[in-house]
Amino acid sequence: MAGHSARHPVAAASSITTEDGAPVVVRRSSRRTRTVAAFWENGTAVVAIPDRFTAAQEAEWVHKMVAKLQRQGERRAAAGKRRPATDAALAEHAAQLSAKYLGGRAVPTSVRWVSNQNSRWGSATPAEGTIRLSDKLRPMPQWVIDYVLLHELAHLLVAAHNSAFWQLLEAYPETQRAKAFLEGVSFATGRGMADPDAD
């Protein structure tokens, strides 16, 4: 690989993984003299360091840069920049939300993005345990997507919009903010997108 030392172009930091369990790879570069960089590449955390670094310096900087990548990921998630893109990722995220806010009691059989849902942000079929989210949610902040997903997860436990249902959503701190956001989007677009309360 251009710019990498022929001696140690790529080394796997076998004893180090990110908090999410992703592998960490160290790339030594003869062109890199002082700077250290870290980035994601195909699900692997890559740390680029100068070729002259000792093993101790490598270990020190790998830990620092992996921690930096983790903080960046957390900030992006908080800003709504990281979204579950696939149905599998959405289902995994739903399980995490259920565990965090609903005690893991809501266990859907499937969670899917759909493109044919124009009158609702999300829908659930409690008898089948299925949840569908409109793909119109995809560009919205993550905390809004999480609210709709939690809303539908709560419907797997309580079908009606009664006091028991809303008590389930009290644990999520962005409920009122997300409802207001969706109401504003519905009003602004004028497309007839209903508030998820209409499901």
N, C-alpha and C. Protein backbone atom coordinates (compact mmCIF):
# COMPACT_ATOMS: atom_id res chain seq x y z
N MET A 1 0.85 -1.19 0.00
CA MET A 1 0.00 0.00 0.00
C MET A 1 0.88 1.24 0.00
N ALA A 2 0.59 2.18 -0.88
CA ALA A 2 1.43 3.35 -1.03
C ALA A 2 1.51 4.12 0.27
N GLY A 3 2.73 4.56 0.58
CA GLY A 3 2.90 5.38 1.77
C GLY A 3 3.13 4.57 3.02
N HIS A 4 3.05 3.26 2.97
CA HIS A 4 3.23 2.44 4.15
C HIS A 4 4.61 1.79 4.14
N SER A 5 5.15 1.63 5.29
CA SER A 5 6.46 1.00 5.40
C SER A 5 6.41 -0.43 4.92
N ALA A 6 7.49 -0.86 4.26
CA ALA A 6 7.55 -2.24 3.81
C ALA A 6 7.74 -3.19 4.97
N ARG A 7 8.28 -2.67 6.09
CA ARG A 7 8.54 -3.54 7.24
C ARG A 7 7.25 -3.89 7.99
N HIS A 8 6.50 -2.88 8.33
CA HIS A 8 5.27 -3.12 9.10
C HIS A 8 4.12 -2.33 8.50
N PRO A 9 3.65 -2.69 7.30
CA PRO A 9 2.59 -1.90 6.68
C PRO A 9 1.28 -1.97 7.45
N VAL A 10 0.92 -3.14 7.91
CA VAL A 10 -0.35 -3.30 8.63
C VAL A 10 -0.14 -4.29 9.76
N ALA A 11 -0.59 -3.92 10.93
CA ALA A 11 -0.50 -4.84 12.06
C ALA A 11 -1.82 -4.85 12.80
N ALA A 12 -2.33 -6.01 13.09
CA ALA A 12 -3.58 -6.11 13.83
C ALA A 12 -3.30 -5.99 15.31
N ALA A 13 -3.99 -5.06 15.95
CA ALA A 13 -3.87 -4.93 17.41
C ALA A 13 -4.79 -5.97 18.03
N SER A 14 -4.31 -7.21 18.05
CA SER A 14 -5.18 -8.35 18.35
C SER A 14 -5.81 -8.29 19.74
N SER A 15 -5.12 -7.66 20.67
CA SER A 15 -5.66 -7.63 22.03
C SER A 15 -6.59 -6.45 22.25
N ILE A 16 -6.79 -5.63 21.20
CA ILE A 16 -7.60 -4.43 21.36
C ILE A 16 -8.79 -4.47 20.42
N THR A 17 -9.93 -4.16 20.97
CA THR A 17 -11.13 -3.97 20.16
C THR A 17 -11.82 -2.71 20.67
N THR A 18 -12.74 -2.19 19.88
CA THR A 18 -13.54 -1.06 20.34
C THR A 18 -14.54 -1.57 21.35
N GLU A 19 -15.26 -0.65 22.00
CA GLU A 19 -16.27 -1.06 22.98
C GLU A 19 -17.37 -1.89 22.33
N ASP A 20 -17.56 -1.69 21.02
CA ASP A 20 -18.57 -2.46 20.29
C ASP A 20 -18.04 -3.78 19.78
N GLY A 21 -16.75 -4.07 20.07
CA GLY A 21 -16.17 -5.32 19.64
C GLY A 21 -15.57 -5.32 18.26
N ALA A 22 -15.45 -4.15 17.63
CA ALA A 22 -14.87 -4.08 16.29
C ALA A 22 -13.35 -4.26 16.37
N PRO A 23 -12.76 -4.91 15.37
CA PRO A 23 -11.30 -5.10 15.39
C PRO A 23 -10.56 -3.79 15.17
N VAL A 24 -9.34 -3.74 15.67
CA VAL A 24 -8.48 -2.56 15.52
C VAL A 24 -7.24 -2.96 14.75
N VAL A 25 -6.91 -2.19 13.73
CA VAL A 25 -5.72 -2.45 12.91
C VAL A 25 -4.81 -1.23 12.96
N VAL A 26 -3.51 -1.48 13.10
CA VAL A 26 -2.51 -0.41 13.12
C VAL A 26 -1.80 -0.38 11.78
N ARG A 27 -1.70 0.81 11.19
CA ARG A 27 -0.97 0.98 9.95
C ARG A 27 0.22 1.91 10.20
N ARG A 28 1.40 1.38 9.96
CA ARG A 28 2.62 2.19 10.10
C ARG A 28 2.97 2.78 8.75
N SER A 29 3.31 4.06 8.74
CA SER A 29 3.64 4.73 7.49
C SER A 29 4.97 5.44 7.60
N SER A 30 5.84 5.23 6.59
CA SER A 30 7.14 5.90 6.57
C SER A 30 6.97 7.37 6.20
N ARG A 31 5.86 7.69 5.53
CA ARG A 31 5.60 9.09 5.17
C ARG A 31 5.08 9.88 6.36
N ARG A 32 4.46 9.19 7.27
CA ARG A 32 3.91 9.87 8.45
C ARG A 32 5.03 10.01 9.47
N THR A 33 5.34 11.25 9.85
CA THR A 33 6.48 11.48 10.74
C THR A 33 6.07 11.76 12.18
N ARG A 34 5.02 12.55 12.37
CA ARG A 34 4.63 12.90 13.74
C ARG A 34 3.15 12.69 14.03
N THR A 35 2.34 12.82 13.02
CA THR A 35 0.90 12.80 13.25
C THR A 35 0.35 11.38 13.35
N VAL A 36 -0.76 11.26 14.08
CA VAL A 36 -1.48 10.00 14.23
C VAL A 36 -2.92 10.24 13.80
N ALA A 37 -3.49 9.29 13.09
CA ALA A 37 -4.88 9.42 12.63
C ALA A 37 -5.64 8.14 12.91
N ALA A 38 -6.95 8.27 13.00
CA ALA A 38 -7.81 7.11 13.21
C ALA A 38 -9.08 7.28 12.41
N PHE A 39 -9.55 6.18 11.83
CA PHE A 39 -10.77 6.25 11.02
C PHE A 39 -11.35 4.85 10.89
N TRP A 40 -12.60 4.80 10.41
CA TRP A 40 -13.28 3.52 10.20
C TRP A 40 -13.11 3.09 8.75
N GLU A 41 -12.89 1.80 8.56
CA GLU A 41 -12.76 1.26 7.21
C GLU A 41 -13.37 -0.14 7.19
N ASN A 42 -14.51 -0.26 6.55
CA ASN A 42 -15.20 -1.56 6.43
C ASN A 42 -15.41 -2.24 7.78
N GLY A 43 -15.84 -1.46 8.76
CA GLY A 43 -16.14 -2.02 10.07
C GLY A 43 -14.95 -2.22 10.97
N THR A 44 -13.75 -1.81 10.49
CA THR A 44 -12.54 -1.95 11.29
C THR A 44 -12.03 -0.57 11.68
N ALA A 45 -11.59 -0.44 12.93
CA ALA A 45 -10.99 0.81 13.38
C ALA A 45 -9.52 0.80 12.97
N VAL A 46 -9.13 1.74 12.15
CA VAL A 46 -7.75 1.82 11.65
C VAL A 46 -7.04 2.98 12.34
N VAL A 47 -5.87 2.69 12.91
CA VAL A 47 -5.04 3.71 13.54
C VAL A 47 -3.75 3.82 12.73
N ALA A 48 -3.49 4.99 12.15
CA ALA A 48 -2.30 5.21 11.33
C ALA A 48 -1.27 5.95 12.16
N ILE A 49 -0.07 5.37 12.26
CA ILE A 49 0.98 5.94 13.09
C ILE A 49 2.29 6.01 12.30
N PRO A 50 3.24 6.84 12.75
CA PRO A 50 4.56 6.88 12.12
C PRO A 50 5.27 5.54 12.27
N ASP A 51 6.03 5.16 11.28
CA ASP A 51 6.73 3.88 11.30
C ASP A 51 7.78 3.81 12.41
N ARG A 52 8.29 4.98 12.83
CA ARG A 52 9.36 5.01 13.83
C ARG A 52 8.86 4.80 15.26
N PHE A 53 7.54 4.74 15.46
CA PHE A 53 7.01 4.58 16.82
C PHE A 53 7.48 3.26 17.43
N THR A 54 7.79 3.31 18.72
CA THR A 54 8.12 2.09 19.46
C THR A 54 6.84 1.35 19.78
N ALA A 55 6.98 0.14 20.27
CA ALA A 55 5.80 -0.65 20.65
C ALA A 55 5.03 0.05 21.75
N ALA A 56 5.74 0.68 22.68
CA ALA A 56 5.08 1.38 23.78
C ALA A 56 4.30 2.58 23.25
N GLN A 57 4.91 3.33 22.31
CA GLN A 57 4.21 4.48 21.73
C GLN A 57 2.99 4.02 20.93
N GLU A 58 3.16 2.92 20.22
CA GLU A 58 2.03 2.38 19.47
C GLU A 58 0.86 2.05 20.39
N ALA A 59 1.16 1.33 21.48
CA ALA A 59 0.11 0.94 22.41
C ALA A 59 -0.59 2.17 22.99
N GLU A 60 0.21 3.18 23.35
CA GLU A 60 -0.35 4.40 23.94
C GLU A 60 -1.29 5.10 22.97
N TRP A 61 -0.83 5.26 21.71
CA TRP A 61 -1.63 6.00 20.75
C TRP A 61 -2.84 5.20 20.24
N VAL A 62 -2.70 3.90 20.16
CA VAL A 62 -3.85 3.10 19.74
C VAL A 62 -4.98 3.25 20.75
N HIS A 63 -4.66 3.16 22.04
CA HIS A 63 -5.69 3.33 23.06
C HIS A 63 -6.32 4.72 22.98
N LYS A 64 -5.49 5.74 22.79
CA LYS A 64 -6.00 7.12 22.70
C LYS A 64 -6.93 7.28 21.51
N MET A 65 -6.52 6.77 20.36
CA MET A 65 -7.28 7.00 19.14
C MET A 65 -8.55 6.15 19.07
N VAL A 66 -8.48 4.95 19.64
CA VAL A 66 -9.71 4.14 19.70
C VAL A 66 -10.73 4.83 20.60
N ALA A 67 -10.27 5.40 21.71
CA ALA A 67 -11.17 6.14 22.59
C ALA A 67 -11.74 7.35 21.87
N LYS A 68 -10.91 8.01 21.05
CA LYS A 68 -11.37 9.16 20.29
C LYS A 68 -12.45 8.77 19.29
N LEU A 69 -12.23 7.65 18.60
CA LEU A 69 -13.25 7.16 17.66
C LEU A 69 -14.56 6.87 18.37
N GLN A 70 -14.47 6.30 19.57
CA GLN A 70 -15.66 5.99 20.34
C GLN A 70 -16.42 7.27 20.69
N ARG A 71 -15.68 8.30 21.13
CA ARG A 71 -16.33 9.57 21.49
C ARG A 71 -16.98 10.21 20.27
N GLN A 72 -16.29 10.14 19.13
CA GLN A 72 -16.85 10.70 17.91
C GLN A 72 -18.14 9.98 17.53
N GLY A 73 -18.12 8.65 17.68
CA GLY A 73 -19.33 7.88 17.37
C GLY A 73 -20.48 8.24 18.28
N GLU A 74 -20.18 8.44 19.56
CA GLU A 74 -21.22 8.82 20.51
C GLU A 74 -21.78 10.19 20.19
N ARG A 75 -20.89 11.12 19.78
CA ARG A 75 -21.37 12.46 19.43
C ARG A 75 -22.24 12.42 18.18
N ARG A 76 -21.82 11.60 17.20
CA ARG A 76 -22.62 11.50 15.99
C ARG A 76 -23.99 10.87 16.28
N ALA A 77 -23.98 9.87 17.15
CA ALA A 77 -25.25 9.23 17.52
C ALA A 77 -26.15 10.22 18.22
N ALA A 78 -25.58 11.02 19.11
CA ALA A 78 -26.36 12.02 19.84
C ALA A 78 -26.92 13.08 18.90
N ALA A 79 -26.17 13.38 17.85
CA ALA A 79 -26.60 14.38 16.88
C ALA A 79 -27.53 13.80 15.83
N GLY A 80 -27.80 12.51 15.93
CA GLY A 80 -28.72 11.89 14.98
C GLY A 80 -28.10 11.56 13.64
N LYS A 81 -26.77 11.46 13.58
CA LYS A 81 -26.11 11.20 12.31
C LYS A 81 -25.93 9.71 12.03
N ARG A 82 -26.04 8.90 13.05
CA ARG A 82 -25.89 7.46 12.84
C ARG A 82 -27.28 6.83 12.94
N ARG A 83 -27.73 6.23 11.85
CA ARG A 83 -29.07 5.67 11.82
C ARG A 83 -29.02 4.22 11.39
N PRO A 84 -29.89 3.38 11.95
CA PRO A 84 -29.94 1.98 11.50
C PRO A 84 -30.44 1.92 10.06
N ALA A 85 -29.56 1.59 9.13
CA ALA A 85 -29.89 1.67 7.71
C ALA A 85 -30.65 0.44 7.21
N THR A 86 -30.34 -0.72 7.75
CA THR A 86 -30.96 -1.95 7.27
C THR A 86 -32.03 -2.43 8.24
N ASP A 87 -32.86 -3.35 7.77
CA ASP A 87 -33.88 -3.92 8.65
C ASP A 87 -33.24 -4.65 9.82
N ALA A 88 -32.13 -5.32 9.56
CA ALA A 88 -31.44 -6.05 10.63
C ALA A 88 -30.91 -5.08 11.69
N ALA A 89 -30.33 -3.97 11.24
CA ALA A 89 -29.83 -2.97 12.17
C ALA A 89 -30.98 -2.33 12.94
N LEU A 90 -32.11 -2.13 12.26
CA LEU A 90 -33.28 -1.54 12.91
C LEU A 90 -33.82 -2.48 13.98
N ALA A 91 -33.87 -3.77 13.68
CA ALA A 91 -34.34 -4.75 14.65
C ALA A 91 -33.41 -4.81 15.86
N GLU A 92 -32.11 -4.75 15.61
CA GLU A 92 -31.15 -4.76 16.71
C GLU A 92 -31.31 -3.52 17.57
N HIS A 93 -31.52 -2.38 16.92
CA HIS A 93 -31.71 -1.13 17.65
C HIS A 93 -33.00 -1.17 18.47
N ALA A 94 -34.04 -1.77 17.90
CA ALA A 94 -35.31 -1.91 18.61
C ALA A 94 -35.12 -2.73 19.88
N ALA A 95 -34.33 -3.78 19.80
CA ALA A 95 -34.06 -4.63 20.97
C ALA A 95 -33.33 -3.83 22.05
N GLN A 96 -32.41 -2.97 21.62
CA GLN A 96 -31.67 -2.14 22.57
C GLN A 96 -32.59 -1.14 23.26
N LEU A 97 -33.49 -0.53 22.49
CA LEU A 97 -34.44 0.43 23.06
C LEU A 97 -35.41 -0.27 24.02
N SER A 98 -35.86 -1.46 23.64
CA SER A 98 -36.76 -2.21 24.50
C SER A 98 -36.09 -2.54 25.82
N ALA A 99 -34.82 -2.95 25.75
CA ALA A 99 -34.09 -3.28 26.97
C ALA A 99 -33.89 -2.06 27.85
N LYS A 100 -33.61 -0.93 27.23
CA LYS A 100 -33.28 0.29 27.98
C LYS A 100 -34.50 0.95 28.59
N TYR A 101 -35.61 1.01 27.83
CA TYR A 101 -36.76 1.78 28.28
C TYR A 101 -37.99 0.95 28.65
N LEU A 102 -38.06 -0.29 28.18
CA LEU A 102 -39.25 -1.10 28.43
C LEU A 102 -38.91 -2.40 29.17
N GLY A 103 -37.76 -2.44 29.77
CA GLY A 103 -37.38 -3.63 30.52
C GLY A 103 -37.24 -4.87 29.68
N GLY A 104 -37.08 -4.69 28.36
CA GLY A 104 -36.93 -5.83 27.46
C GLY A 104 -38.21 -6.61 27.23
N ARG A 105 -39.34 -6.05 27.67
CA ARG A 105 -40.60 -6.80 27.57
C ARG A 105 -41.17 -6.81 26.16
N ALA A 106 -40.88 -5.77 25.38
CA ALA A 106 -41.37 -5.73 24.00
C ALA A 106 -40.38 -6.45 23.10
N VAL A 107 -40.81 -7.58 22.54
CA VAL A 107 -39.92 -8.40 21.70
C VAL A 107 -40.60 -8.61 20.35
N PRO A 108 -40.32 -7.73 19.39
CA PRO A 108 -40.96 -7.88 18.08
C PRO A 108 -40.42 -9.07 17.31
N THR A 109 -41.27 -9.64 16.46
CA THR A 109 -40.83 -10.74 15.60
C THR A 109 -40.11 -10.21 14.37
N SER A 110 -40.45 -8.98 13.98
CA SER A 110 -39.75 -8.34 12.86
C SER A 110 -39.91 -6.83 12.97
N VAL A 111 -38.89 -6.11 12.51
CA VAL A 111 -38.91 -4.65 12.45
C VAL A 111 -38.37 -4.27 11.08
N ARG A 112 -39.16 -3.51 10.33
CA ARG A 112 -38.76 -3.23 8.95
C ARG A 112 -39.00 -1.77 8.59
N TRP A 113 -38.13 -1.27 7.70
CA TRP A 113 -38.40 -0.01 7.01
C TRP A 113 -39.35 -0.31 5.86
N VAL A 114 -40.35 0.53 5.64
CA VAL A 114 -41.26 0.33 4.51
C VAL A 114 -41.43 1.64 3.75
N SER A 115 -41.70 1.52 2.46
CA SER A 115 -41.85 2.71 1.62
C SER A 115 -43.30 3.01 1.26
N ASN A 116 -44.20 2.11 1.67
CA ASN A 116 -45.61 2.28 1.28
C ASN A 116 -46.48 2.79 2.42
N GLN A 117 -45.86 3.34 3.44
CA GLN A 117 -46.61 3.82 4.60
C GLN A 117 -46.66 5.35 4.54
N ASN A 118 -47.69 5.87 3.93
CA ASN A 118 -47.77 7.32 3.70
C ASN A 118 -48.67 8.05 4.67
N SER A 119 -49.44 7.34 5.45
CA SER A 119 -50.35 8.01 6.38
C SER A 119 -49.90 7.87 7.83
N ARG A 120 -48.84 7.12 8.07
CA ARG A 120 -48.35 6.93 9.44
C ARG A 120 -46.83 6.94 9.43
N TRP A 121 -46.28 7.38 10.56
CA TRP A 121 -44.83 7.30 10.73
C TRP A 121 -44.40 5.87 11.06
N GLY A 122 -45.26 5.18 11.78
CA GLY A 122 -44.95 3.80 12.15
C GLY A 122 -46.22 3.05 12.43
N SER A 123 -46.14 1.73 12.43
CA SER A 123 -47.31 0.92 12.76
C SER A 123 -46.84 -0.39 13.37
N ALA A 124 -47.71 -0.96 14.18
CA ALA A 124 -47.40 -2.23 14.83
C ALA A 124 -48.61 -3.15 14.75
N THR A 125 -48.36 -4.44 14.64
CA THR A 125 -49.41 -5.45 14.67
C THR A 125 -49.12 -6.35 15.87
N PRO A 126 -49.72 -6.02 17.03
CA PRO A 126 -49.41 -6.77 18.26
C PRO A 126 -49.62 -8.26 18.15
N ALA A 127 -50.68 -8.68 17.43
CA ALA A 127 -50.97 -10.12 17.32
C ALA A 127 -49.84 -10.87 16.63
N GLU A 128 -49.15 -10.19 15.72
CA GLU A 128 -48.06 -10.83 14.99
C GLU A 128 -46.68 -10.41 15.51
N GLY A 129 -46.65 -9.34 16.31
CA GLY A 129 -45.39 -8.86 16.85
C GLY A 129 -44.54 -8.11 15.84
N THR A 130 -45.17 -7.59 14.78
CA THR A 130 -44.41 -6.92 13.73
C THR A 130 -44.49 -5.40 13.87
N ILE A 131 -43.42 -4.75 13.47
CA ILE A 131 -43.33 -3.28 13.50
C ILE A 131 -42.81 -2.82 12.15
N ARG A 132 -43.41 -1.74 11.64
CA ARG A 132 -42.97 -1.14 10.39
C ARG A 132 -42.78 0.35 10.60
N LEU A 133 -41.67 0.89 10.09
CA LEU A 133 -41.41 2.32 10.16
C LEU A 133 -41.36 2.89 8.75
N SER A 134 -41.98 4.04 8.56
CA SER A 134 -41.94 4.69 7.26
C SER A 134 -40.52 5.15 6.94
N ASP A 135 -40.09 4.92 5.71
CA ASP A 135 -38.74 5.35 5.35
C ASP A 135 -38.63 6.87 5.25
N LYS A 136 -39.76 7.56 5.40
CA LYS A 136 -39.71 9.03 5.47
C LYS A 136 -39.06 9.50 6.76
N LEU A 137 -38.90 8.59 7.72
CA LEU A 137 -38.22 8.92 8.97
C LEU A 137 -36.70 8.93 8.82
N ARG A 138 -36.18 8.28 7.80
CA ARG A 138 -34.74 8.07 7.68
C ARG A 138 -33.89 9.35 7.83
N PRO A 139 -34.29 10.47 7.20
CA PRO A 139 -33.43 11.66 7.33
C PRO A 139 -33.64 12.44 8.63
N MET A 140 -34.56 11.99 9.46
CA MET A 140 -34.87 12.72 10.69
C MET A 140 -33.86 12.40 11.80
N PRO A 141 -33.78 13.24 12.82
CA PRO A 141 -32.85 12.98 13.93
C PRO A 141 -33.10 11.62 14.58
N GLN A 142 -32.04 11.01 15.08
CA GLN A 142 -32.17 9.68 15.67
C GLN A 142 -33.14 9.66 16.84
N TRP A 143 -33.17 10.74 17.63
CA TRP A 143 -34.06 10.75 18.79
C TRP A 143 -35.53 10.74 18.37
N VAL A 144 -35.83 11.21 17.17
CA VAL A 144 -37.19 11.15 16.64
C VAL A 144 -37.51 9.73 16.19
N ILE A 145 -36.57 9.12 15.46
CA ILE A 145 -36.75 7.73 15.03
C ILE A 145 -36.93 6.83 16.25
N ASP A 146 -36.13 7.09 17.28
CA ASP A 146 -36.22 6.27 18.49
C ASP A 146 -37.59 6.40 19.14
N TYR A 147 -38.15 7.61 19.12
CA TYR A 147 -39.48 7.79 19.71
C TYR A 147 -40.52 6.96 18.96
N VAL A 148 -40.50 7.03 17.63
CA VAL A 148 -41.49 6.28 16.84
C VAL A 148 -41.30 4.78 17.07
N LEU A 149 -40.06 4.35 17.11
CA LEU A 149 -39.79 2.93 17.33
C LEU A 149 -40.27 2.50 18.72
N LEU A 150 -39.99 3.32 19.73
CA LEU A 150 -40.48 3.01 21.08
C LEU A 150 -42.00 3.04 21.14
N HIS A 151 -42.59 3.97 20.43
CA HIS A 151 -44.06 4.06 20.37
C HIS A 151 -44.65 2.74 19.88
N GLU A 152 -44.05 2.22 18.81
CA GLU A 152 -44.56 0.96 18.25
C GLU A 152 -44.22 -0.23 19.14
N LEU A 153 -43.05 -0.20 19.77
CA LEU A 153 -42.71 -1.26 20.73
C LEU A 153 -43.71 -1.28 21.88
N ALA A 154 -44.09 -0.10 22.35
CA ALA A 154 -45.06 -0.01 23.44
C ALA A 154 -46.40 -0.60 23.03
N HIS A 155 -46.74 -0.47 21.74
CA HIS A 155 -48.01 -1.04 21.25
C HIS A 155 -48.00 -2.56 21.28
N LEU A 156 -46.84 -3.16 21.29
CA LEU A 156 -46.80 -4.62 21.42
C LEU A 156 -47.21 -5.05 22.82
N LEU A 157 -47.11 -4.11 23.77
CA LEU A 157 -47.48 -4.38 25.16
C LEU A 157 -48.87 -3.87 25.49
N VAL A 158 -49.21 -2.71 24.97
CA VAL A 158 -50.53 -2.10 25.20
C VAL A 158 -51.04 -1.59 23.86
N ALA A 159 -52.13 -2.14 23.38
CA ALA A 159 -52.63 -1.81 22.04
C ALA A 159 -53.22 -0.40 21.97
N ALA A 160 -53.95 0.02 23.00
CA ALA A 160 -54.65 1.30 22.97
C ALA A 160 -53.76 2.45 23.43
N HIS A 161 -54.16 3.67 23.08
CA HIS A 161 -53.48 4.86 23.57
C HIS A 161 -54.11 5.30 24.90
N ASN A 162 -53.97 4.46 25.91
CA ASN A 162 -54.53 4.77 27.22
C ASN A 162 -53.41 5.19 28.18
N SER A 163 -53.77 5.39 29.42
CA SER A 163 -52.77 5.85 30.39
C SER A 163 -51.64 4.84 30.58
N ALA A 164 -51.98 3.55 30.52
CA ALA A 164 -50.95 2.52 30.67
C ALA A 164 -49.94 2.60 29.52
N PHE A 165 -50.46 2.90 28.31
CA PHE A 165 -49.57 3.02 27.16
C PHE A 165 -48.60 4.19 27.34
N TRP A 166 -49.13 5.36 27.70
CA TRP A 166 -48.27 6.54 27.81
C TRP A 166 -47.30 6.43 28.98
N GLN A 167 -47.67 5.68 29.99
CA GLN A 167 -46.73 5.46 31.10
C GLN A 167 -45.49 4.71 30.64
N LEU A 168 -45.68 3.84 29.64
CA LEU A 168 -44.54 3.10 29.10
C LEU A 168 -43.52 4.03 28.44
N LEU A 169 -44.01 5.13 27.88
CA LEU A 169 -43.13 6.05 27.16
C LEU A 169 -42.57 7.15 28.04
N GLU A 170 -42.98 7.19 29.30
CA GLU A 170 -42.49 8.24 30.19
C GLU A 170 -40.99 8.13 30.44
N ALA A 171 -40.45 6.93 30.32
CA ALA A 171 -39.02 6.74 30.59
C ALA A 171 -38.15 7.37 29.50
N TYR A 172 -38.71 7.54 28.30
CA TYR A 172 -37.93 8.11 27.20
C TYR A 172 -37.97 9.63 27.30
N PRO A 173 -36.84 10.29 27.49
CA PRO A 173 -36.85 11.72 27.78
C PRO A 173 -37.24 12.61 26.61
N GLU A 174 -37.22 12.08 25.39
CA GLU A 174 -37.50 12.92 24.22
C GLU A 174 -38.93 12.75 23.69
N THR A 175 -39.80 12.11 24.45
CA THR A 175 -41.15 11.83 23.94
C THR A 175 -41.88 13.09 23.51
N GLN A 176 -41.99 14.07 24.38
CA GLN A 176 -42.75 15.28 24.04
C GLN A 176 -42.08 16.06 22.93
N ARG A 177 -40.77 16.13 22.99
CA ARG A 177 -40.02 16.86 21.96
C ARG A 177 -40.20 16.20 20.60
N ALA A 178 -40.14 14.88 20.56
CA ALA A 178 -40.28 14.16 19.30
C ALA A 178 -41.70 14.29 18.75
N LYS A 179 -42.69 14.23 19.63
CA LYS A 179 -44.08 14.41 19.18
C LYS A 179 -44.26 15.78 18.53
N ALA A 180 -43.70 16.81 19.17
CA ALA A 180 -43.80 18.16 18.63
C ALA A 180 -43.07 18.26 17.29
N PHE A 181 -41.93 17.61 17.20
CA PHE A 181 -41.16 17.63 15.95
C PHE A 181 -41.98 17.03 14.81
N LEU A 182 -42.57 15.86 15.06
CA LEU A 182 -43.34 15.18 14.01
C LEU A 182 -44.60 15.96 13.64
N GLU A 183 -45.21 16.58 14.63
CA GLU A 183 -46.38 17.41 14.33
C GLU A 183 -45.98 18.58 13.44
N GLY A 184 -44.80 19.15 13.70
CA GLY A 184 -44.32 20.26 12.88
C GLY A 184 -44.01 19.82 11.46
N VAL A 185 -43.40 18.64 11.33
CA VAL A 185 -43.11 18.12 10.00
C VAL A 185 -44.41 17.87 9.23
N SER A 186 -45.38 17.28 9.89
CA SER A 186 -46.66 17.00 9.24
C SER A 186 -47.32 18.28 8.76
N PHE A 187 -47.28 19.30 9.61
CA PHE A 187 -47.89 20.58 9.25
C PHE A 187 -47.14 21.21 8.08
N ALA A 188 -45.81 21.17 8.13
CA ALA A 188 -45.00 21.83 7.11
C ALA A 188 -45.11 21.15 5.75
N THR A 189 -45.12 19.85 5.73
CA THR A 189 -45.15 19.14 4.46
C THR A 189 -46.53 19.13 3.84
N GLY A 190 -47.56 19.11 4.69
CA GLY A 190 -48.91 19.09 4.16
C GLY A 190 -49.22 17.83 3.38
N ARG A 191 -48.52 16.75 3.68
CA ARG A 191 -48.72 15.50 2.94
C ARG A 191 -49.68 14.55 3.63
N GLY A 192 -50.23 14.97 4.74
CA GLY A 192 -51.16 14.11 5.44
C GLY A 192 -50.49 13.07 6.30
N MET A 193 -49.19 13.22 6.55
CA MET A 193 -48.52 12.29 7.45
C MET A 193 -49.08 12.47 8.85
N ALA A 194 -49.62 11.41 9.43
CA ALA A 194 -50.26 11.50 10.71
C ALA A 194 -49.26 11.37 11.85
N ASP A 195 -49.61 11.97 12.97
CA ASP A 195 -48.84 11.74 14.19
C ASP A 195 -48.95 10.25 14.52
N PRO A 196 -47.90 9.63 15.08
CA PRO A 196 -48.01 8.20 15.39
C PRO A 196 -49.13 7.87 16.36
N ASP A 197 -49.69 8.88 17.05
CA ASP A 197 -50.85 8.61 17.92
C ASP A 197 -52.02 8.09 17.10
N ALA A 198 -52.00 8.35 15.79
CA ALA A 198 -53.13 7.95 14.96
C ALA A 198 -53.09 6.48 14.57
N ASP A 199 -52.04 5.78 15.00
CA ASP A 199 -51.96 4.39 14.56
C ASP A 199 -52.90 3.51 15.35
